[in-house]
Amino acid sequence: MFVDTGHPHAVVAAGLLQQGVRIARVFAPYDTWVRITLGTPAENRRAQQALRSVLAQLGKAQGGAAA
């Protein structure tokens, strides 16, 4: 899955890693996109939950709406 988060890859990747989700490297010039390899249904739910959490925190940090 390749998703434009609207936030720097490094920031999103660090937030996901804190939640135990490791993502692929940045694919220049798509520095706000993240690539997540799909896994089992349980792994996919975990990755989706972590991504939502990170994006919500980044939205709050910027004073914007949460994802």
PDB file of N, CA and C in Angstrom:
ATOM      1  N   MET A   1       0.859  -1.153   0.000  1.00  0.00           N
ATOM      2  CA  MET A   1       0.000   0.000   0.000  1.00  0.00           C
ATOM      3  C   MET A   1       0.911   1.223   0.000  1.00  0.00           C
ATOM      4  N   PHE A   2       0.607   2.197  -0.830  1.00  0.00           N
ATOM      5  CA  PHE A   2       1.388   3.433  -0.952  1.00  0.00           C
ATOM      6  C   PHE A   2       0.438   4.583  -0.658  1.00  0.00           C
ATOM      7  N   VAL A   3       0.712   5.349   0.398  1.00  0.00           N
ATOM      8  CA  VAL A   3      -0.221   6.356   0.891  1.00  0.00           C
ATOM      9  C   VAL A   3       0.467   7.710   1.041  1.00  0.00           C
ATOM     10  N   ASP A   4      -0.175   8.764   0.538  1.00  0.00           N
ATOM     11  CA  ASP A   4       0.326  10.124   0.757  1.00  0.00           C
ATOM     12  C   ASP A   4      -0.232  10.602   2.092  1.00  0.00           C
ATOM     13  N   THR A   5       0.637  10.713   3.093  1.00  0.00           N
ATOM     14  CA  THR A   5       0.211  11.114   4.432  1.00  0.00           C
ATOM     15  C   THR A   5       0.141  12.625   4.600  1.00  0.00           C
ATOM     16  N   GLY A   6       0.809  13.355   3.692  1.00  0.00           N
ATOM     17  CA  GLY A   6       0.860  14.798   3.835  1.00  0.00           C
ATOM     18  C   GLY A   6       1.872  15.256   4.876  1.00  0.00           C
ATOM     19  N   HIS A   7       2.655  14.321   5.395  1.00  0.00           N
ATOM     20  CA  HIS A   7       3.677  14.611   6.407  1.00  0.00           C
ATOM     21  C   HIS A   7       4.996  13.995   5.959  1.00  0.00           C
ATOM     22  N   PRO A   8       6.121  14.525   6.405  1.00  0.00           N
ATOM     23  CA  PRO A   8       7.416  13.978   6.004  1.00  0.00           C
ATOM     24  C   PRO A   8       7.535  12.488   6.335  1.00  0.00           C
ATOM     25  N   HIS A   9       8.065  11.734   5.389  1.00  0.00           N
ATOM     26  CA  HIS A   9       8.219  10.288   5.562  1.00  0.00           C
ATOM     27  C   HIS A   9       8.931   9.953   6.868  1.00  0.00           C
ATOM     28  N   ALA A  10      10.024  10.644   7.154  1.00  0.00           N
ATOM     29  CA  ALA A  10      10.814  10.334   8.350  1.00  0.00           C
ATOM     30  C   ALA A  10      10.009  10.483   9.630  1.00  0.00           C
ATOM     31  N   VAL A  11       9.154  11.478   9.683  1.00  0.00           N
ATOM     32  CA  VAL A  11       8.336  11.716  10.877  1.00  0.00           C
ATOM     33  C   VAL A  11       7.302  10.603  11.042  1.00  0.00           C
ATOM     34  N   VAL A  12       6.632  10.252   9.947  1.00  0.00           N
ATOM     35  CA  VAL A  12       5.621   9.192  10.003  1.00  0.00           C
ATOM     36  C   VAL A  12       6.287   7.858  10.320  1.00  0.00           C
ATOM     37  N   ALA A  13       7.416   7.576   9.666  1.00  0.00           N
ATOM     38  CA  ALA A  13       8.127   6.319   9.896  1.00  0.00           C
ATOM     39  C   ALA A  13       8.548   6.187  11.355  1.00  0.00           C
ATOM     40  N   ALA A  14       9.032   7.267  11.945  1.00  0.00           N
ATOM     41  CA  ALA A  14       9.451   7.231  13.352  1.00  0.00           C
ATOM     42  C   ALA A  14       8.257   6.968  14.263  1.00  0.00           C
ATOM     43  N   GLY A  15       7.138   7.611  13.985  1.00  0.00           N
ATOM     44  CA  GLY A  15       5.938   7.387  14.790  1.00  0.00           C
ATOM     45  C   GLY A  15       5.438   5.966  14.677  1.00  0.00           C
ATOM     46  N   LEU A  16       5.460   5.427  13.472  1.00  0.00           N
ATOM     47  CA  LEU A  16       5.028   4.036  13.283  1.00  0.00           C
ATOM     48  C   LEU A  16       5.977   3.069  13.980  1.00  0.00           C
ATOM     49  N   LEU A  17       7.265   3.320  13.885  1.00  0.00           N
ATOM     50  CA  LEU A  17       8.242   2.441  14.517  1.00  0.00           C
ATOM     51  C   LEU A  17       8.047   2.404  16.031  1.00  0.00           C
ATOM     52  N   GLN A  18       7.687   3.541  16.619  1.00  0.00           N
ATOM     53  CA  GLN A  18       7.409   3.582  18.064  1.00  0.00           C
ATOM     54  C   GLN A  18       6.245   2.666  18.422  1.00  0.00           C
ATOM     55  N   GLN A  19       5.382   2.396  17.448  1.00  0.00           N
ATOM     56  CA  GLN A  19       4.233   1.521  17.681  1.00  0.00           C
ATOM     57  C   GLN A  19       4.484   0.110  17.144  1.00  0.00           C
ATOM     58  N   GLY A  20       5.730  -0.170  16.771  1.00  0.00           N
ATOM     59  CA  GLY A  20       6.099  -1.511  16.337  1.00  0.00           C
ATOM     60  C   GLY A  20       5.819  -1.823  14.889  1.00  0.00           C
ATOM     61  N   VAL A  21       5.575  -0.786  14.070  1.00  0.00           N
ATOM     62  CA  VAL A  21       5.312  -0.990  12.644  1.00  0.00           C
ATOM     63  C   VAL A  21       6.466  -0.385  11.851  1.00  0.00           C
ATOM     64  N   ARG A  22       7.168  -1.228  11.117  1.00  0.00           N
ATOM     65  CA  ARG A  22       8.291  -0.786  10.297  1.00  0.00           C
ATOM     66  C   ARG A  22       7.806  -0.649   8.860  1.00  0.00           C
ATOM     67  N   ILE A  23       8.178   0.456   8.205  1.00  0.00           N
ATOM     68  CA  ILE A  23       7.742   0.682   6.826  1.00  0.00           C
ATOM     69  C   ILE A  23       8.947   0.783   5.900  1.00  0.00           C
ATOM     70  N   ALA A  24       8.657   0.754   4.602  1.00  0.00           N
ATOM     71  CA  ALA A  24       9.708   0.811   3.581  1.00  0.00           C
ATOM     72  C   ALA A  24      10.367   2.181   3.551  1.00  0.00           C
ATOM     73  N   ARG A  25      11.490   2.219   2.872  1.00  0.00           N
ATOM     74  CA  ARG A  25      12.266   3.457   2.720  1.00  0.00           C
ATOM     75  C   ARG A  25      11.459   4.498   1.944  1.00  0.00           C
ATOM     76  N   VAL A  26      11.940   5.716   1.970  1.00  0.00           N
ATOM     77  CA  VAL A  26      11.324   6.791   1.192  1.00  0.00           C
ATOM     78  C   VAL A  26      11.603   6.559  -0.288  1.00  0.00           C
ATOM     79  N   PHE A  27      10.643   6.881  -1.124  1.00  0.00           N
ATOM     80  CA  PHE A  27      10.780   6.751  -2.575  1.00  0.00           C
ATOM     81  C   PHE A  27      10.744   8.159  -3.177  1.00  0.00           C
ATOM     82  N   ALA A  28      11.944   8.737  -3.337  1.00  0.00           N
ATOM     83  CA  ALA A  28      12.045  10.093  -3.887  1.00  0.00           C
ATOM     84  C   ALA A  28      11.402  10.140  -5.266  1.00  0.00           C
ATOM     85  N   PRO A  29      10.692  11.187  -5.588  1.00  0.00           N
ATOM     86  CA  PRO A  29      10.497  12.429  -4.859  1.00  0.00           C
ATOM     87  C   PRO A  29       9.252  12.413  -3.970  1.00  0.00           C
ATOM     88  N   TYR A  30       8.734  11.251  -3.652  1.00  0.00           N
ATOM     89  CA  TYR A  30       7.493  11.136  -2.880  1.00  0.00           C
ATOM     90  C   TYR A  30       7.785  11.154  -1.375  1.00  0.00           C
ATOM     91  N   ASP A  31       8.281  12.292  -0.879  1.00  0.00           N
ATOM     92  CA  ASP A  31       8.750  12.357   0.504  1.00  0.00           C
ATOM     93  C   ASP A  31       7.648  12.449   1.550  1.00  0.00           C
ATOM     94  N   THR A  32       6.401  12.549   1.128  1.00  0.00           N
ATOM     95  CA  THR A  32       5.294  12.518   2.097  1.00  0.00           C
ATOM     96  C   THR A  32       4.499  11.221   1.974  1.00  0.00           C
ATOM     97  N   TRP A  33       4.973  10.309   1.153  1.00  0.00           N
ATOM     98  CA  TRP A  33       4.298   9.027   0.951  1.00  0.00           C
ATOM     99  C   TRP A  33       4.973   7.954   1.790  1.00  0.00           C
ATOM    100  N   VAL A  34       4.189   6.976   2.244  1.00  0.00           N
ATOM    101  CA  VAL A  34       4.731   5.819   2.953  1.00  0.00           C
ATOM    102  C   VAL A  34       4.252   4.554   2.257  1.00  0.00           C
ATOM    103  N   ARG A  35       5.106   3.542   2.248  1.00  0.00           N
ATOM    104  CA  ARG A  35       4.740   2.251   1.674  1.00  0.00           C
ATOM    105  C   ARG A  35       4.699   1.223   2.781  1.00  0.00           C
ATOM    106  N   ILE A  36       3.571   0.551   2.885  1.00  0.00           N
ATOM    107  CA  ILE A  36       3.389  -0.483   3.894  1.00  0.00           C
ATOM    108  C   ILE A  36       3.066  -1.780   3.161  1.00  0.00           C
ATOM    109  N   THR A  37       3.846  -2.818   3.418  1.00  0.00           N
ATOM    110  CA  THR A  37       3.594  -4.116   2.813  1.00  0.00           C
ATOM    111  C   THR A  37       2.436  -4.777   3.538  1.00  0.00           C
ATOM    112  N   LEU A  38       1.499  -5.304   2.776  1.00  0.00           N
ATOM    113  CA  LEU A  38       0.334  -5.953   3.364  1.00  0.00           C
ATOM    114  C   LEU A  38       0.709  -7.327   3.895  1.00  0.00           C
ATOM    115  N   GLY A  39       0.077  -7.708   4.991  1.00  0.00           N
ATOM    116  CA  GLY A  39       0.364  -8.987   5.634  1.00  0.00           C
ATOM    117  C   GLY A  39      -0.919  -9.735   5.922  1.00  0.00           C
ATOM    118  N   THR A  40      -0.954 -10.360   7.077  1.00  0.00           N
ATOM    119  CA  THR A  40      -2.153 -11.085   7.490  1.00  0.00           C
ATOM    120  C   THR A  40      -3.231 -10.072   7.865  1.00  0.00           C
ATOM    121  N   PRO A  41      -4.481 -10.494   7.927  1.00  0.00           N
ATOM    122  CA  PRO A  41      -5.529  -9.555   8.350  1.00  0.00           C
ATOM    123  C   PRO A  41      -5.217  -8.889   9.696  1.00  0.00           C
ATOM    124  N   ALA A  42      -4.686  -9.627  10.641  1.00  0.00           N
ATOM    125  CA  ALA A  42      -4.357  -9.054  11.956  1.00  0.00           C
ATOM    126  C   ALA A  42      -3.226  -8.030  11.827  1.00  0.00           C
ATOM    127  N   GLU A  43      -2.208  -8.336  11.024  1.00  0.00           N
ATOM    128  CA  GLU A  43      -1.105  -7.390  10.815  1.00  0.00           C
ATOM    129  C   GLU A  43      -1.592  -6.135  10.106  1.00  0.00           C
ATOM    130  N   ASN A  44      -2.481  -6.305   9.148  1.00  0.00           N
ATOM    131  CA  ASN A  44      -3.024  -5.154   8.425  1.00  0.00           C
ATOM    132  C   ASN A  44      -3.821  -4.251   9.361  1.00  0.00           C
ATOM    133  N   ARG A  45      -4.634  -4.841  10.230  1.00  0.00           N
ATOM    134  CA  ARG A  45      -5.399  -4.033  11.196  1.00  0.00           C
ATOM    135  C   ARG A  45      -4.455  -3.268  12.114  1.00  0.00           C
ATOM    136  N   ARG A  46      -3.396  -3.934  12.561  1.00  0.00           N
ATOM    137  CA  ARG A  46      -2.416  -3.285  13.436  1.00  0.00           C
ATOM    138  C   ARG A  46      -1.748  -2.117  12.730  1.00  0.00           C
ATOM    139  N   ALA A  47      -1.340  -2.309  11.470  1.00  0.00           N
ATOM    140  CA  ALA A  47      -0.691  -1.238  10.701  1.00  0.00           C
ATOM    141  C   ALA A  47      -1.657  -0.077  10.467  1.00  0.00           C
ATOM    142  N   GLN A  48      -2.907  -0.381  10.135  1.00  0.00           N
ATOM    143  CA  GLN A  48      -3.904   0.671   9.911  1.00  0.00           C
ATOM    144  C   GLN A  48      -4.139   1.468  11.190  1.00  0.00           C
ATOM    145  N   GLN A  49      -4.260   0.764  12.298  1.00  0.00           N
ATOM    146  CA  GLN A  49      -4.484   1.425  13.585  1.00  0.00           C
ATOM    147  C   GLN A  49      -3.299   2.326  13.939  1.00  0.00           C
ATOM    148  N   ALA A  50      -2.094   1.823  13.729  1.00  0.00           N
ATOM    149  CA  ALA A  50      -0.896   2.616  14.028  1.00  0.00           C
ATOM    150  C   ALA A  50      -0.818   3.843  13.125  1.00  0.00           C
ATOM    151  N   LEU A  51      -1.103   3.677  11.831  1.00  0.00           N
ATOM    152  CA  LEU A  51      -1.059   4.812  10.909  1.00  0.00           C
ATOM    153  C   LEU A  51      -2.092   5.866  11.285  1.00  0.00           C
ATOM    154  N   ARG A  52      -3.298   5.440  11.612  1.00  0.00           N
ATOM    155  CA  ARG A  52      -4.327   6.402  12.051  1.00  0.00           C
ATOM    156  C   ARG A  52      -3.884   7.154  13.299  1.00  0.00           C
ATOM    157  N   SER A  53      -3.296   6.442  14.234  1.00  0.00           N
ATOM    158  CA  SER A  53      -2.839   7.060  15.477  1.00  0.00           C
ATOM    159  C   SER A  53      -1.745   8.098  15.217  1.00  0.00           C
ATOM    160  N   VAL A  54      -0.765   7.727  14.404  1.00  0.00           N
ATOM    161  CA  VAL A  54       0.334   8.650  14.097  1.00  0.00           C
ATOM    162  C   VAL A  54      -0.193   9.885  13.366  1.00  0.00           C
ATOM    163  N   LEU A  55      -1.053   9.684  12.373  1.00  0.00           N
ATOM    164  CA  LEU A  55      -1.584  10.822  11.630  1.00  0.00           C
ATOM    165  C   LEU A  55      -2.457  11.711  12.512  1.00  0.00           C
ATOM    166  N   ALA A  56      -3.182  11.123  13.436  1.00  0.00           N
ATOM    167  CA  ALA A  56      -3.988  11.920  14.360  1.00  0.00           C
ATOM    168  C   ALA A  56      -3.083  12.772  15.247  1.00  0.00           C
ATOM    169  N   GLN A  57      -1.994  12.184  15.738  1.00  0.00           N
ATOM    170  CA  GLN A  57      -1.062  12.933  16.572  1.00  0.00           C
ATOM    171  C   GLN A  57      -0.395  14.058  15.781  1.00  0.00           C
ATOM    172  N   LEU A  58      -0.024  13.785  14.550  1.00  0.00           N
ATOM    173  CA  LEU A  58       0.597  14.819  13.721  1.00  0.00           C
ATOM    174  C   LEU A  58      -0.397  15.929  13.411  1.00  0.00           C
ATOM    175  N   GLY A  59      -1.645  15.582  13.190  1.00  0.00           N
ATOM    176  CA  GLY A  59      -2.691  16.589  12.954  1.00  0.00           C
ATOM    177  C   GLY A  59      -2.873  17.479  14.156  1.00  0.00           C
ATOM    178  N   LYS A  60      -2.853  16.890  15.337  1.00  0.00           N
ATOM    179  CA  LYS A  60      -2.982  17.665  16.575  1.00  0.00           C
ATOM    180  C   LYS A  60      -1.775  18.574  16.771  1.00  0.00           C
ATOM    181  N   ALA A  61      -0.597  18.051  16.447  1.00  0.00           N
ATOM    182  CA  ALA A  61       0.636  18.836  16.618  1.00  0.00           C
ATOM    183  C   ALA A  61       0.640  20.057  15.695  1.00  0.00           C
ATOM    184  N   GLN A  62      -0.007  19.929  14.554  1.00  0.00           N
ATOM    185  CA  GLN A  62      -0.047  21.046  13.604  1.00  0.00           C
ATOM    186  C   GLN A  62      -1.296  21.888  13.777  1.00  0.00           C
ATOM    187  N   GLY A  63      -2.138  21.500  14.720  1.00  0.00           N
ATOM    188  CA  GLY A  63      -3.354  22.268  14.954  1.00  0.00           C
ATOM    189  C   GLY A  63      -4.444  22.012  13.935  1.00  0.00           C
ATOM    190  N   GLY A  64      -4.270  20.935  13.150  1.00  0.00           N
ATOM    191  CA  GLY A  64      -5.256  20.604  12.121  1.00  0.00           C
ATOM    192  C   GLY A  64      -6.177  19.499  12.557  1.00  0.00           C
ATOM    193  N   ALA A  65      -7.016  19.076  11.638  1.00  0.00           N
ATOM    194  CA  ALA A  65      -7.942  17.995  11.895  1.00  0.00           C
ATOM    195  C   ALA A  65      -7.207  16.665  11.873  1.00  0.00           C
ATOM    196  N   ALA A  66      -7.650  15.732  12.672  1.00  0.00           N
ATOM    197  CA  ALA A  66      -7.067  14.401  12.708  1.00  0.00           C
ATOM    198  C   ALA A  66      -7.525  13.592  11.514  1.00  0.00           C
ATOM    199  N   ALA A  67      -6.691  12.630  11.126  1.00  0.00           N
ATOM    200  CA  ALA A  67      -7.020  11.746   9.983  1.00  0.00           C
ATOM    201  C   ALA A  67      -8.061  10.726  10.366  1.00  0.00           C
TER     202      ALA A  67
END
